[in-house]
Amino acid sequence: MSSSNAIEGEMEETENSQENEERETSASSSSLPLQLCYRDLPDYVQNCLMYCCILPDGISKGKLIRLLVAQGLIQEKAGHVMEDVAEENISELISQGMLQLKEQHSSVRTRLQVPSPVRKFCVQQMEEGDVATFRAFVCSDITEQLAHLNNHQPTSLFLLGKNLSQDDGNWLKFNGANSLRVLDLERTKIKRLPDEVGDLISLIYLGLNHTDIEELPEGLGRLRALQTFDIRWCGHLTALPDQILNLVRLRHLKMYKNWFQNVQGVKLPPGIGGSFTNLLTLTGVHAGGGIAEELGNLIQLRRLGVMDVAEENISELLASITKMPGLLSLSLESIHTFNEGKLVLLDSFSPPPFLQKLRLEGVLEKLPSWFGSLERLTNLRLGFSHLPENQFSVLQLLPNLKNLSLWHAYAGKQIGKEFCSAGGFAKLEELTIASRVLEEWTELEEGALPSLKHLYVRNCLRLRMLPEGLQFLTTLQRLDLLPLLHDHAERLKPDGGEENYKISHIPMIRLMTTSMVEEVVKAQGEGSPCG
């Protein structure tokens, strides 16, 4: 995209990116015949690819890993965690061009897609019967497909886009239902699971993400093979029943309370420290009720997300975290985050040595002294921290930081050159800044942010100036300004805009003025049924 037409509305960038993606797909698939590439893959990697082809494009990498493990498609390696082996198989498919990373905001989960030629080839192989290690079924209306299910007896069942209810009858009563290993109801808006779900004795993966589940069946505790239980964004679930403690093989318990309700974590019954010792992932958990102390028994955890952190439980929580030597990802959210709830972090805390991702939500009086020791940290989000600028200087020294999000983390009206010196943030590739009070970003030293690719400026409704020195960021590939003041947009225009020289070298720029946002909101209001 040339500098003369680089500035554009938010919705006008997709056509070129899709064309580029198609060209890349064509190029990657034409280097060697697909059949030769496929035949060269080990059997277990072939099976992983076939399974990917039945899933919708844009599946998150983490979910794909959990599904592959649940379906039993991952080869065993002595001394290796199954999820790590699954990730190796996915990396092999990516290196061979059989899977692609979808371009996206890198702070969002990594998403994958199968290139069209590869998908077409794999579908042909499956139609010819060249895969028999799993039986997966994807449908939008299960009541019309029960006869097919009775004949094929799938081991994976994905339901899409159907508002399931009790009126649909006993949709889990088909031949071989108790052989199901995967049941994914994501976004079906189902409100209640049938009682028969407790009979799925082979079930390893149960996905209820983004559903309207109001309660869990009593038979949940009989799913003793279950390893992944995903109930994120189930807005009506505030606590899990005691039966959950029977699921001693759980490896991934993913929870999160609906943002549109009273945002808080899901409450777990006492006893998780004895039942959940195999857990690798635990997110969206409420910190109260003695849970903060019990977490200390979950020493195999790799990813932990705790909500409703308060002064009365922070000491126990931090002490528990120090007992998790393999922890890679940590998220802590204060109670009443959006009402300026405080997150008290002790200087005496010693963070896990291999920590790569850290998310802190809540008001911080200061950054604790141990921040300087986070040498392996690659991703950092500070949300609603309201820190002064002089607290951020330590961040530019973190040697491996690639992604930094300062979401209402800065309390000042101005960002100066102290934010980043020459050579600072040596490996940072993506920077997101959101602030309701920021008015000026005055200066960037030449040599600062030497690796930056993406700069996202969000919700900075008072920002009147981009920094002098932005023109020196020659690695910058994308700039988002959403939204920005109308007069600022005028100064950035290619034809005569006095600040355009700062951004004319950036290939992709997206902006939306405050007036454009207002028009969109107005149009949505007029188009609603109640409007």
Protein backbone atom coordinates (compact mmCIF):
# COMPACT_ATOMS: atom_id res chain seq x y z
CA MET A 1 0.00 0.00 0.00
CA SER A 2 1.51 3.33 -1.00
CA SER A 3 1.79 6.24 1.38
CA SER A 4 -0.68 8.27 -0.69
CA ASN A 5 -3.57 6.00 0.25
CA ALA A 6 -2.28 4.48 3.47
CA ILE A 7 -4.82 6.19 5.72
CA GLU A 8 -8.19 4.52 5.43
CA GLY A 9 -11.36 3.57 7.23
CA GLU A 10 -11.25 0.54 9.49
CA MET A 11 -13.27 -1.73 7.23
CA GLU A 12 -11.43 -1.04 3.99
CA GLU A 13 -8.28 -3.12 4.48
CA THR A 14 -9.55 -6.66 4.09
CA GLU A 15 -9.50 -7.05 0.31
CA ASN A 16 -5.75 -6.59 -0.16
CA SER A 17 -4.90 -8.78 2.84
CA GLN A 18 -7.15 -11.56 1.50
CA GLU A 19 -5.50 -11.33 -1.92
CA ASN A 20 -2.06 -11.53 -0.31
CA GLU A 21 -3.17 -14.53 1.74
CA GLU A 22 -4.43 -16.31 -1.38
CA ARG A 23 -1.15 -15.64 -3.17
CA GLU A 24 0.81 -16.97 -0.20
CA THR A 25 -1.39 -20.06 -0.03
CA SER A 26 -0.92 -20.70 -3.73
CA ALA A 27 2.83 -20.21 -3.52
CA SER A 28 3.26 -22.46 -0.50
CA SER A 29 1.24 -25.27 -2.03
CA SER A 30 2.85 -25.22 -5.46
CA SER A 31 6.46 -25.90 -4.43
CA LEU A 32 5.94 -29.68 -4.18
CA PRO A 33 2.96 -31.84 -5.10
CA LEU A 34 0.70 -32.09 -2.08
CA GLN A 35 0.58 -35.85 -2.28
CA LEU A 36 4.36 -36.14 -1.89
CA CYS A 37 4.40 -33.71 1.04
CA TYR A 38 1.57 -35.60 2.68
CA ARG A 39 3.11 -39.05 2.19
CA ASP A 40 6.38 -37.84 3.71
CA LEU A 41 4.61 -36.95 6.96
CA PRO A 42 4.62 -39.52 9.77
CA ASP A 43 1.27 -41.28 10.23
CA TYR A 44 0.50 -39.48 13.47
CA VAL A 45 1.10 -36.06 11.85
CA GLN A 46 -1.09 -37.08 8.88
CA ASN A 47 -3.88 -37.91 11.32
CA CYS A 48 -3.46 -34.53 13.03
CA LEU A 49 -3.80 -32.79 9.66
CA MET A 50 -6.93 -34.75 8.76
CA TYR A 51 -8.50 -33.80 12.08
CA CYS A 52 -7.67 -30.13 11.46
CA CYS A 53 -9.56 -30.31 8.18
CA ILE A 54 -12.86 -31.12 9.86
CA LEU A 55 -12.59 -28.08 12.14
CA PRO A 56 -13.56 -24.50 11.24
CA ASP A 57 -10.75 -22.21 10.10
CA GLY A 58 -9.39 -19.90 12.76
CA ILE A 59 -9.25 -22.40 15.60
CA SER A 60 -6.97 -21.33 18.42
CA LYS A 61 -3.72 -23.21 18.76
CA GLY A 62 -4.39 -24.06 22.39
CA LYS A 63 -7.81 -25.54 21.64
CA LEU A 64 -6.41 -27.59 18.76
CA ILE A 65 -3.73 -29.01 21.05
CA ARG A 66 -6.33 -30.06 23.62
CA LEU A 67 -8.58 -31.61 20.95
CA LEU A 68 -5.74 -33.62 19.40
CA VAL A 69 -4.79 -35.01 22.80
CA ALA A 70 -8.43 -35.81 23.62
CA GLN A 71 -8.97 -37.64 20.33
CA GLY A 72 -5.91 -39.79 21.00
CA LEU A 73 -3.99 -38.65 17.92
CA ILE A 74 -0.75 -37.81 19.72
CA GLN A 75 2.09 -40.30 19.88
CA GLU A 76 3.56 -41.02 23.28
CA LYS A 77 7.10 -39.88 24.05
CA ALA A 78 8.80 -40.98 27.21
CA GLY A 79 9.35 -38.07 29.55
CA HIS A 80 7.28 -35.65 27.43
CA VAL A 81 3.96 -34.01 28.23
CA MET A 82 1.33 -34.93 25.61
CA GLU A 83 0.41 -31.30 24.99
CA ASP A 84 4.05 -30.52 24.16
CA VAL A 85 4.17 -33.37 21.65
CA ALA A 86 0.93 -32.10 20.06
CA GLU A 87 2.51 -28.66 19.71
CA GLU A 88 5.52 -30.24 18.00
CA ASN A 89 3.19 -31.93 15.48
CA ILE A 90 1.45 -28.63 14.79
CA SER A 91 4.82 -26.93 14.28
CA GLU A 92 5.74 -29.66 11.78
CA LEU A 93 2.54 -29.00 9.81
CA ILE A 94 3.21 -25.27 9.82
CA SER A 95 6.79 -25.76 8.60
CA GLN A 96 5.47 -27.93 5.75
CA GLY A 97 2.88 -25.32 4.76
CA MET A 98 0.02 -27.65 5.68
CA LEU A 99 -1.16 -25.25 8.40
CA GLN A 100 -0.95 -21.46 8.41
CA LEU A 101 -1.02 -18.83 11.12
CA LYS A 102 -3.87 -16.37 10.61
CA GLU A 103 -2.64 -12.78 10.64
CA GLN A 104 -3.99 -11.06 13.71
CA HIS A 105 -3.33 -8.92 16.72
CA SER A 106 -0.58 -11.04 18.29
CA SER A 107 -1.79 -10.49 21.86
CA VAL A 108 -4.83 -12.55 20.89
CA ARG A 109 -4.55 -16.33 20.88
CA THR A 110 -2.62 -17.78 17.96
CA ARG A 111 -5.14 -18.99 15.38
CA LEU A 112 -4.58 -21.53 12.65
CA GLN A 113 -6.11 -22.36 9.31
CA VAL A 114 -5.71 -25.08 6.69
CA PRO A 115 -4.86 -23.61 3.24
CA SER A 116 -7.65 -24.24 0.71
CA PRO A 117 -5.63 -26.56 -1.57
CA VAL A 118 -4.53 -28.65 1.41
CA ARG A 119 -8.07 -28.87 2.78
CA LYS A 120 -9.39 -29.95 -0.63
CA PHE A 121 -6.71 -32.63 -0.90
CA CYS A 122 -7.38 -33.96 2.60
CA VAL A 123 -11.13 -34.09 2.08
CA GLN A 124 -10.49 -36.15 -1.04
CA GLN A 125 -8.27 -38.53 0.95
CA MET A 126 -10.97 -38.94 3.60
CA GLU A 127 -13.63 -39.58 0.94
CA GLU A 128 -11.39 -42.31 -0.46
CA GLY A 129 -11.17 -43.87 2.98
CA ASP A 130 -7.55 -42.95 3.62
CA VAL A 131 -8.10 -42.23 7.31
CA ALA A 132 -9.61 -44.48 9.93
CA THR A 133 -8.15 -43.48 13.28
CA PHE A 134 -11.07 -41.23 14.28
CA ARG A 135 -14.71 -40.60 13.44
CA ALA A 136 -15.62 -36.94 13.73
CA PHE A 137 -19.00 -35.40 13.02
CA VAL A 138 -19.80 -31.69 12.61
CA CYS A 139 -23.44 -30.59 12.29
CA SER A 140 -25.72 -27.62 12.86
CA ASP A 141 -28.93 -29.56 13.60
CA ILE A 142 -28.35 -32.79 15.46
CA THR A 143 -32.04 -33.74 15.56
CA GLU A 144 -31.97 -34.21 11.79
CA GLN A 145 -28.76 -36.24 11.92
CA LEU A 146 -29.48 -38.86 14.57
CA ALA A 147 -29.82 -41.67 12.01
CA HIS A 148 -26.42 -40.75 10.58
CA LEU A 149 -24.93 -40.72 14.08
CA ASN A 150 -26.39 -44.16 14.79
CA ASN A 151 -24.65 -45.52 11.70
CA HIS A 152 -21.26 -43.85 12.14
CA GLN A 153 -20.87 -43.67 15.94
CA PRO A 154 -18.47 -40.70 16.04
CA THR A 155 -15.71 -40.26 18.58
CA SER A 156 -15.83 -36.45 18.18
CA LEU A 157 -19.06 -34.45 17.94
CA PHE A 158 -19.11 -30.72 17.17
CA LEU A 159 -22.44 -28.89 17.20
CA LEU A 160 -22.57 -25.51 15.48
CA GLY A 161 -25.12 -22.71 15.54
CA LYS A 162 -28.09 -24.57 17.00
CA ASN A 163 -30.05 -23.28 20.00
CA LEU A 164 -30.37 -26.67 21.64
CA SER A 165 -33.02 -27.11 24.29
CA GLN A 166 -34.93 -29.90 26.00
CA ASP A 167 -37.41 -29.69 23.12
CA ASP A 168 -34.82 -31.33 20.90
CA GLY A 169 -35.36 -34.58 22.73
CA ASN A 170 -32.66 -36.93 23.97
CA TRP A 171 -30.09 -35.93 21.38
CA LEU A 172 -27.34 -37.85 23.13
CA LYS A 173 -29.21 -41.16 22.80
CA PHE A 174 -27.56 -42.61 19.73
CA ASN A 175 -25.63 -45.83 19.22
CA GLY A 176 -22.12 -45.56 20.55
CA ALA A 177 -22.61 -42.23 22.37
CA ASN A 178 -20.66 -43.61 25.31
CA SER A 179 -17.64 -43.87 22.97
CA LEU A 180 -17.52 -40.09 22.47
CA ARG A 181 -14.17 -38.62 23.42
CA VAL A 182 -14.94 -35.03 22.33
CA LEU A 183 -18.20 -33.08 22.73
CA ASP A 184 -17.94 -29.43 21.69
CA LEU A 185 -21.04 -27.23 22.02
CA GLU A 186 -19.27 -23.88 21.68
CA ARG A 187 -21.63 -20.99 20.85
CA THR A 188 -24.71 -23.18 20.60
CA LYS A 189 -26.50 -21.13 23.30
CA ILE A 190 -27.63 -24.32 24.97
CA LYS A 191 -29.08 -23.65 28.43
CA ARG A 192 -29.06 -27.11 29.93
CA LEU A 193 -27.17 -30.32 29.29
CA PRO A 194 -29.24 -33.51 29.04
CA ASP A 195 -28.90 -35.90 31.96
CA GLU A 196 -27.42 -38.47 29.55
CA VAL A 197 -24.17 -36.50 29.45
CA GLY A 198 -23.23 -38.31 32.66
CA ASP A 199 -23.21 -41.58 30.72
CA LEU A 200 -20.39 -40.45 28.41
CA ILE A 201 -17.82 -42.48 30.30
CA SER A 202 -15.16 -42.07 27.57
CA LEU A 203 -15.49 -38.30 27.30
CA ILE A 204 -12.15 -36.50 27.52
CA TYR A 205 -13.09 -33.04 26.18
CA LEU A 206 -16.28 -31.11 27.04
CA GLY A 207 -16.51 -27.64 25.49
CA LEU A 208 -19.26 -25.29 26.66
CA ASN A 209 -17.49 -22.06 25.76
CA HIS A 210 -19.87 -19.15 25.00
CA THR A 211 -23.06 -21.05 25.85
CA ASP A 212 -25.97 -20.06 28.07
CA ILE A 213 -25.58 -22.98 30.46
CA GLU A 214 -27.44 -22.15 33.69
CA GLU A 215 -26.62 -25.29 35.66
CA LEU A 216 -24.58 -28.44 35.37
CA PRO A 217 -26.15 -31.92 35.56
CA GLU A 218 -25.72 -34.08 38.63
CA GLY A 219 -24.06 -36.72 36.49
CA LEU A 220 -21.10 -34.45 35.74
CA GLY A 221 -19.06 -36.18 38.45
CA ARG A 222 -19.29 -39.49 36.56
CA LEU A 223 -17.13 -38.15 33.69
CA ARG A 224 -14.02 -39.56 35.31
CA ALA A 225 -12.04 -39.66 32.05
CA LEU A 226 -12.52 -35.92 31.46
CA GLN A 227 -9.30 -33.97 30.90
CA THR A 228 -10.56 -30.67 29.41
CA PHE A 229 -13.59 -28.79 30.75
CA ASP A 230 -14.12 -25.41 29.08
CA ILE A 231 -16.86 -23.19 30.53
CA ARG A 232 -15.51 -19.77 29.62
CA TRP A 233 -18.11 -17.07 29.02
CA CYS A 234 -20.95 -19.09 30.54
CA GLY A 235 -22.54 -16.05 32.13
CA HIS A 236 -24.96 -17.92 34.36
CA LEU A 237 -22.44 -20.18 36.08
CA THR A 238 -21.01 -18.57 39.19
CA ALA A 239 -19.86 -21.73 41.03
CA LEU A 240 -19.09 -25.37 40.30
CA PRO A 241 -20.73 -28.17 42.34
CA ASP A 242 -18.92 -30.54 44.66
CA GLN A 243 -19.12 -33.29 42.01
CA ILE A 244 -16.38 -31.49 40.08
CA LEU A 245 -13.90 -32.88 42.61
CA ASN A 246 -14.50 -36.37 41.20
CA LEU A 247 -12.82 -35.36 37.94
CA VAL A 248 -9.35 -36.25 39.14
CA ARG A 249 -7.91 -36.59 35.61
CA LEU A 250 -8.64 -32.98 34.71
CA ARG A 251 -5.72 -31.26 33.00
CA HIS A 252 -7.43 -28.09 31.75
CA LEU A 253 -10.21 -26.29 33.65
CA LYS A 254 -10.94 -23.10 31.75
CA MET A 255 -13.43 -20.70 33.30
CA TYR A 256 -14.38 -17.07 32.99
CA LYS A 257 -17.41 -15.10 34.17
CA ASN A 258 -19.41 -13.16 31.60
CA TRP A 259 -18.25 -9.55 31.21
CA PHE A 260 -21.84 -8.34 30.93
CA GLN A 261 -22.74 -9.70 34.32
CA ASN A 262 -20.93 -8.76 37.51
CA VAL A 263 -17.39 -9.64 36.41
CA GLN A 264 -15.94 -12.12 38.85
CA GLY A 265 -14.30 -15.52 39.01
CA VAL A 266 -16.02 -18.89 39.28
CA LYS A 267 -16.11 -20.33 42.79
CA LEU A 268 -14.73 -23.82 43.35
CA PRO A 269 -15.57 -26.11 46.28
CA PRO A 270 -12.96 -26.78 48.96
CA GLY A 271 -10.76 -29.75 48.18
CA ILE A 272 -9.24 -28.83 44.82
CA GLY A 273 -5.76 -29.18 46.28
CA GLY A 274 -6.32 -32.91 46.68
CA SER A 275 -8.37 -33.61 43.54
CA PHE A 276 -6.80 -31.47 40.83
CA THR A 277 -3.12 -32.35 41.14
CA ASN A 278 -2.92 -33.18 37.40
CA LEU A 279 -4.06 -29.73 36.32
CA LEU A 280 -1.93 -27.89 33.78
CA THR A 281 -4.41 -25.04 33.17
CA LEU A 282 -6.72 -23.29 35.64
CA THR A 283 -8.24 -19.94 34.65
CA GLY A 284 -11.03 -17.69 35.85
CA VAL A 285 -11.00 -19.00 39.41
CA HIS A 286 -12.33 -16.97 42.35
CA ALA A 287 -9.55 -16.29 44.88
CA GLY A 288 -11.67 -16.39 48.03
CA GLY A 289 -12.98 -19.21 50.18
CA GLY A 290 -9.57 -20.65 50.98
CA ILE A 291 -8.81 -21.41 47.32
CA ALA A 292 -5.76 -19.13 47.26
CA GLU A 293 -4.01 -21.37 49.78
CA GLU A 294 -5.16 -24.64 48.17
CA LEU A 295 -3.62 -23.60 44.86
CA GLY A 296 -0.23 -24.32 46.40
CA ASN A 297 -0.89 -28.04 45.90
CA LEU A 298 -1.28 -27.66 42.12
CA ILE A 299 2.43 -27.73 41.45
CA GLN A 300 2.14 -28.91 37.82
CA LEU A 301 0.24 -25.81 36.70
CA ARG A 302 1.54 -24.10 33.59
CA ARG A 303 -1.19 -21.52 33.23
CA LEU A 304 -3.05 -19.85 36.08
CA GLY A 305 -5.68 -17.12 36.01
CA VAL A 306 -7.06 -15.84 39.32
CA MET A 307 -9.83 -13.26 39.74
CA ASP A 308 -11.17 -11.31 42.72
CA VAL A 309 -7.71 -10.97 44.23
CA ALA A 310 -7.93 -8.91 47.44
CA GLU A 311 -5.62 -7.81 50.24
CA GLU A 312 -6.94 -10.53 52.52
CA ASN A 313 -5.88 -13.36 50.15
CA ILE A 314 -2.90 -11.94 48.22
CA SER A 315 -0.25 -13.27 50.64
CA GLU A 316 -1.58 -16.84 50.47
CA LEU A 317 -1.98 -16.59 46.70
CA LEU A 318 1.57 -15.40 46.05
CA ALA A 319 2.94 -18.06 48.40
CA SER A 320 1.06 -20.71 46.41
CA ILE A 321 2.38 -19.40 43.10
CA THR A 322 5.99 -19.75 44.28
CA LYS A 323 5.35 -23.52 44.52
CA MET A 324 4.64 -23.75 40.77
CA PRO A 325 8.10 -24.03 39.20
CA GLY A 326 6.82 -24.74 35.67
CA LEU A 327 4.31 -21.88 35.49
CA LEU A 328 4.49 -20.16 32.09
CA SER A 329 1.44 -17.87 32.17
CA LEU A 330 -0.05 -15.92 35.09
CA SER A 331 -3.07 -13.62 35.24
CA LEU A 332 -4.12 -11.78 38.40
CA GLU A 333 -7.21 -9.56 38.51
CA SER A 334 -8.16 -7.51 41.53
CA ILE A 335 -11.63 -7.53 42.97
CA HIS A 336 -13.66 -4.67 41.45
CA THR A 337 -11.05 -4.12 38.71
CA PHE A 338 -13.25 -1.72 36.75
CA ASN A 339 -14.03 0.31 39.86
CA GLU A 340 -10.35 0.98 40.55
CA GLY A 341 -9.84 -2.03 42.77
CA LYS A 342 -6.28 -2.28 44.10
CA LEU A 343 -3.91 -5.09 43.25
CA VAL A 344 -1.34 -5.33 46.03
CA LEU A 345 1.84 -7.08 44.89
CA LEU A 346 4.50 -7.79 47.48
CA ASP A 347 8.17 -7.00 46.81
CA SER A 348 9.08 -10.20 48.65
CA PHE A 349 7.40 -12.34 45.98
CA SER A 350 9.69 -14.48 43.80
CA PRO A 351 8.01 -15.10 40.43
CA PRO A 352 8.31 -18.54 38.77
CA PRO A 353 11.60 -18.71 36.86
CA PHE A 354 10.14 -19.67 33.45
CA LEU A 355 7.26 -17.17 33.37
CA GLN A 356 6.58 -16.01 29.80
CA LYS A 357 3.19 -14.30 29.99
CA LEU A 358 1.96 -11.97 32.73
CA ARG A 359 -1.35 -10.13 33.01
CA LEU A 360 -2.10 -7.79 35.92
CA GLU A 361 -5.49 -6.07 36.21
CA GLY A 362 -6.05 -3.50 38.95
CA VAL A 363 -4.60 -0.33 40.44
CA LEU A 364 -0.89 -0.62 41.28
CA GLU A 365 0.85 1.87 43.53
CA LYS A 366 4.13 0.91 41.88
CA LEU A 367 5.75 -1.87 39.91
CA PRO A 368 7.30 -4.32 42.38
CA SER A 369 11.07 -4.70 42.45
CA TRP A 370 10.95 -8.25 41.06
CA PHE A 371 9.80 -6.98 37.65
CA GLY A 372 13.44 -6.57 36.65
CA SER A 373 14.02 -10.31 37.08
CA LEU A 374 11.44 -11.38 34.47
CA GLU A 375 14.09 -12.19 31.88
CA ARG A 376 11.99 -14.81 30.03
CA LEU A 377 8.87 -12.67 29.84
CA THR A 378 7.54 -12.28 26.27
CA ASN A 379 4.01 -10.95 26.85
CA LEU A 380 2.89 -8.37 29.42
CA ARG A 381 -0.46 -6.69 29.93
CA LEU A 382 -1.01 -4.06 32.61
CA GLY A 383 -4.69 -3.15 32.87
CA PHE A 384 -6.22 -0.25 34.83
CA SER A 385 -2.96 0.15 36.73
CA HIS A 386 -2.95 4.01 36.68
CA LEU A 387 0.81 4.20 37.18
CA PRO A 388 2.98 7.32 36.75
CA GLU A 389 5.36 7.33 33.77
CA ASN A 390 8.51 6.95 35.85
CA GLN A 391 7.36 3.44 36.77
CA PHE A 392 7.71 2.16 33.21
CA SER A 393 11.45 2.60 32.68
CA VAL A 394 12.20 -0.92 33.97
CA LEU A 395 10.01 -2.46 31.26
CA GLN A 396 12.27 -1.35 28.41
CA LEU A 397 15.09 -3.42 29.92
CA LEU A 398 13.24 -6.76 29.78
CA PRO A 399 15.38 -8.64 27.23
CA ASN A 400 12.74 -10.91 25.64
CA LEU A 401 9.57 -8.82 25.83
CA LYS A 402 7.74 -9.01 22.47
CA ASN A 403 4.24 -7.84 23.31
CA LEU A 404 3.29 -5.03 25.69
CA SER A 405 -0.25 -3.81 26.38
CA LEU A 406 -0.71 -0.75 28.59
CA TRP A 407 -4.49 -0.71 28.90
CA HIS A 408 -5.34 2.35 30.99
CA ALA A 409 -2.13 1.56 32.82
CA TYR A 410 -0.71 5.08 32.62
CA ALA A 411 -2.12 7.96 34.67
CA GLY A 412 -0.24 10.89 33.05
CA LYS A 413 -1.34 13.33 30.37
CA GLN A 414 2.01 13.15 28.59
CA ILE A 415 4.47 10.45 27.54
CA GLY A 416 8.03 11.72 27.05
CA LYS A 417 11.24 10.23 25.75
CA GLU A 418 11.87 8.70 29.18
CA PHE A 419 9.35 6.01 28.25
CA CYS A 420 11.91 4.43 25.94
CA SER A 421 15.57 5.28 25.47
CA ALA A 422 17.70 4.39 22.43
CA GLY A 423 17.91 0.61 22.29
CA GLY A 424 15.07 0.22 24.77
CA PHE A 425 12.49 -2.53 24.26
CA ALA A 426 15.04 -4.32 22.07
CA LYS A 427 12.74 -7.20 21.01
CA LEU A 428 9.32 -5.57 21.37
CA GLU A 429 7.23 -6.24 18.27
CA GLU A 430 3.80 -5.07 19.39
CA LEU A 431 2.80 -2.15 21.61
CA THR A 432 -0.76 -1.27 22.64
CA ILE A 433 -1.56 1.93 24.53
CA ALA A 434 -5.02 2.88 25.78
CA SER A 435 -5.64 5.91 28.01
CA ARG A 436 -8.55 8.23 28.76
CA VAL A 437 -6.22 11.00 29.97
CA LEU A 438 -3.26 10.90 27.57
CA GLU A 439 -2.99 14.11 25.52
CA GLU A 440 0.55 14.10 24.10
CA TRP A 441 3.24 11.59 23.24
CA THR A 442 6.02 14.04 22.67
CA GLU A 443 9.20 12.25 21.62
CA LEU A 444 10.87 8.98 20.76
CA GLU A 445 14.64 8.80 20.73
CA GLU A 446 16.20 7.57 17.51
CA GLY A 447 17.09 3.93 18.09
CA ALA A 448 14.19 3.28 20.48
CA LEU A 449 11.86 0.36 19.82
CA PRO A 450 14.18 -1.08 17.14
CA SER A 451 12.01 -4.18 16.45
CA LEU A 452 8.50 -2.71 16.67
CA LYS A 453 6.11 -4.00 13.98
CA HIS A 454 2.65 -3.09 15.26
CA LEU A 455 1.56 0.01 17.21
CA TYR A 456 -2.02 0.11 18.46
CA VAL A 457 -3.33 3.34 20.00
CA ARG A 458 -6.80 2.64 21.39
CA ASN A 459 -9.34 4.74 23.30
CA CYS A 460 -6.96 7.70 23.57
CA LEU A 461 -9.79 10.19 23.11
CA ARG A 462 -7.69 13.20 24.09
CA LEU A 463 -4.50 12.41 22.19
CA ARG A 464 -3.47 15.42 20.08
CA MET A 465 0.04 14.46 19.00
CA LEU A 466 2.06 11.44 17.87
CA PRO A 467 5.69 11.41 18.98
CA GLU A 468 8.47 13.12 17.10
CA GLY A 469 10.81 10.27 16.14
CA LEU A 470 8.03 7.91 15.07
CA GLN A 471 9.40 8.35 11.55
CA PHE A 472 12.59 6.55 12.66
CA LEU A 473 10.74 3.29 13.39
CA THR A 474 11.55 1.73 10.05
CA THR A 475 10.39 -1.74 11.15
CA LEU A 476 6.83 -0.51 11.80
CA GLN A 477 4.36 -2.33 9.57
CA ARG A 478 1.00 -1.33 11.03
CA LEU A 479 -0.44 1.59 12.97
CA ASP A 480 -3.96 1.65 14.45
CA LEU A 481 -5.50 4.87 15.80
CA LEU A 482 -8.97 3.95 17.03
CA PRO A 483 -10.51 6.42 17.62
CA LEU A 484 -8.77 9.80 17.31
CA LEU A 485 -9.75 13.46 17.30
CA HIS A 486 -10.91 14.88 13.96
CA ASP A 487 -8.30 17.68 13.88
CA HIS A 488 -5.57 15.12 14.59
CA ALA A 489 -6.78 13.06 11.64
CA GLU A 490 -6.52 16.17 9.46
CA ARG A 491 -2.89 16.71 10.49
CA LEU A 492 -2.07 13.11 9.53
CA LYS A 493 -3.54 13.26 6.02
CA PRO A 494 -1.14 12.46 3.15
CA ASP A 495 -1.88 15.65 1.21
CA GLY A 496 -0.60 18.50 3.31
CA GLY A 497 -1.02 17.07 6.78
CA GLU A 498 1.68 18.60 8.96
CA GLU A 499 2.27 15.38 10.92
CA ASN A 500 2.06 13.01 7.95
CA TYR A 501 5.85 12.75 7.71
CA LYS A 502 5.80 10.78 10.97
CA ILE A 503 3.70 7.99 9.50
CA SER A 504 4.18 8.09 5.72
CA HIS A 505 6.59 5.14 5.82
CA ILE A 506 4.10 2.76 7.49
CA PRO A 507 2.56 0.26 5.01
CA MET A 508 -0.77 -0.23 6.81
CA ILE A 509 -2.63 2.42 8.78
CA ARG A 510 -6.12 2.14 10.22
CA LEU A 511 -7.89 5.07 11.78
CA MET A 512 -11.36 5.94 12.88
CA THR A 513 -12.26 9.41 14.12
CA THR A 514 -14.54 10.01 17.07
CA SER A 515 -17.23 11.32 14.72
CA MET A 516 -17.00 8.11 12.66
CA VAL A 517 -17.48 6.09 15.85
CA GLU A 518 -20.53 8.15 16.76
CA GLU A 519 -22.02 7.55 13.29
CA VAL A 520 -21.50 3.80 13.61
CA VAL A 521 -23.11 3.74 17.07
CA LYS A 522 -26.05 5.82 15.78
CA ALA A 523 -26.54 3.54 12.78
CA GLN A 524 -26.50 0.46 15.00
CA GLY A 525 -29.09 2.05 17.28
CA GLU A 526 -31.38 2.91 14.37
CA GLY A 527 -31.07 -0.61 13.01
CA SER A 528 -31.92 -2.38 16.26
CA PRO A 529 -35.42 -3.79 16.81
CA CYS A 530 -35.97 -1.39 19.69
CA GLY A 531 -34.67 1.64 17.80
